[in-house]
C-alpha cells in the first residue's frame, strides 16, 4: 500500500466520521439554543416578532401584474 492509498483511506474515514457526527446530532437534537430557537435573547427574536423594523420602502420583484388592466376595467365599469 502506497502513501496515496493511505491518504485516500484517511480522507474517506474522516468524511465518514464527519457525516456520522452530523447524523448523530440530528437524531439526538443537541442544544436547541441556536438562532432558530426563538428564545428572544438576541436581536433575531425581536425581528421575528416585527418589533422595531423600519417600514418597507422599496420592493424588488414583479409586484402587481396587470395593475393597468385593473384600473382600466374599473374606469370602464364606472362609465
Protein backbone atom coordinates (compact mmCIF):
# COMPACT_ATOMS: atom_id res chain seq x y z
CA UNK A 1 0.00 0.00 0.00
CA UNK A 2 1.47 3.33 -1.09
CA UNK A 3 1.20 6.73 0.51
CA UNK A 4 -1.61 7.76 -1.86
CA UNK A 5 -3.74 4.85 -0.68
CA UNK A 6 -3.14 5.82 2.94
CA UNK A 7 -4.14 9.43 2.26
CA UNK A 8 -7.26 8.36 0.34
CA UNK A 9 -8.33 5.97 3.10
CA UNK A 10 -7.80 8.62 5.77
CA UNK A 11 -9.83 11.19 3.79
CA UNK A 12 -12.70 8.73 3.35
CA UNK A 13 -12.52 7.79 7.03
CA UNK A 14 -12.58 11.46 8.07
CA UNK A 15 -15.57 12.15 5.85
CA UNK A 16 -17.40 9.15 7.30
CA UNK A 17 -16.72 10.36 10.85
CA UNK A 18 -17.91 13.87 9.98
CA UNK A 19 -21.12 12.66 8.35
CA UNK A 20 -21.88 10.27 11.18
CA UNK A 21 -21.42 13.08 13.71
CA UNK A 22 -23.87 15.24 11.75
CA UNK A 23 -26.34 12.37 11.71
CA UNK A 24 -25.90 11.76 15.43
CA UNK A 25 -26.51 15.42 16.23
CA UNK A 26 -29.58 15.35 14.01
CA UNK A 27 -31.01 12.31 15.76
CA UNK A 28 -30.22 13.35 19.30
CA UNK A 29 -31.08 17.01 18.74
CA UNK A 30 -28.18 18.61 20.53
CA UNK A 31 -28.63 22.03 22.02
CA UNK A 32 -31.61 23.96 20.73
CA UNK A 33 -30.34 27.36 21.79
CA UNK A 34 -29.23 28.42 18.33
CA UNK A 35 -30.63 31.25 16.26
CA UNK A 36 -33.64 29.20 15.20
CA UNK A 37 -34.90 28.54 18.72
CA UNK A 38 -36.72 31.93 19.11
CA UNK A 39 -35.59 32.35 22.67
CA UNK A 40 -35.77 36.15 22.45
CA UNK A 41 -32.29 36.74 23.87
CA UNK A 42 -30.81 38.15 20.67
CA UNK A 43 -31.93 40.58 18.01
CA UNK A 44 -33.39 37.83 15.83
CA UNK A 45 -36.14 37.27 18.40
CA UNK A 46 -37.21 40.91 18.12
CA UNK A 47 -37.03 40.81 14.34
CA UNK A 48 -39.21 37.72 14.17
CA UNK A 49 -41.97 39.45 16.12
CA UNK A 50 -41.82 42.54 13.88
CA UNK A 51 -40.91 44.95 16.67
CA UNK A 52 -38.63 47.79 15.69
CA UNK A 53 -38.49 47.07 11.98
CA UNK A 54 -38.50 50.00 9.57
CA UNK A 55 -41.28 50.48 7.08
CA UNK A 56 -40.70 48.80 3.71
CA UNK A 57 -39.97 51.47 1.13
CA UNK A 58 -38.87 49.51 -1.93
CA UNK A 59 -39.98 46.10 -3.10
CA UNK A 60 -37.98 44.17 -5.67
CA UNK A 61 -39.99 41.76 -7.73
CA UNK A 62 -42.88 41.53 -10.13
CA UNK A 63 -45.28 43.33 -7.84
CA UNK A 64 -48.85 43.56 -9.05
CA UNK A 65 -49.08 42.13 -12.52
CA UNK A 66 -51.85 43.62 -14.60
CA UNK A 67 -52.49 46.66 -12.40
CA UNK A 68 -53.02 48.79 -15.52
CA UNK A 69 -55.68 46.43 -16.81
CA UNK A 70 -57.46 46.52 -13.45
CA UNK A 71 -57.52 50.31 -13.44
CA UNK A 72 -58.91 50.47 -16.98
CA UNK A 73 -61.53 47.86 -16.10
CA UNK A 74 -62.64 49.95 -13.13
CA UNK A 75 -62.89 53.07 -15.32
CA UNK A 76 -64.95 51.17 -17.90
CA UNK A 77 -67.25 49.87 -15.17
CA UNK A 78 -67.80 53.35 -13.69
CA UNK A 79 -68.65 54.96 -17.03
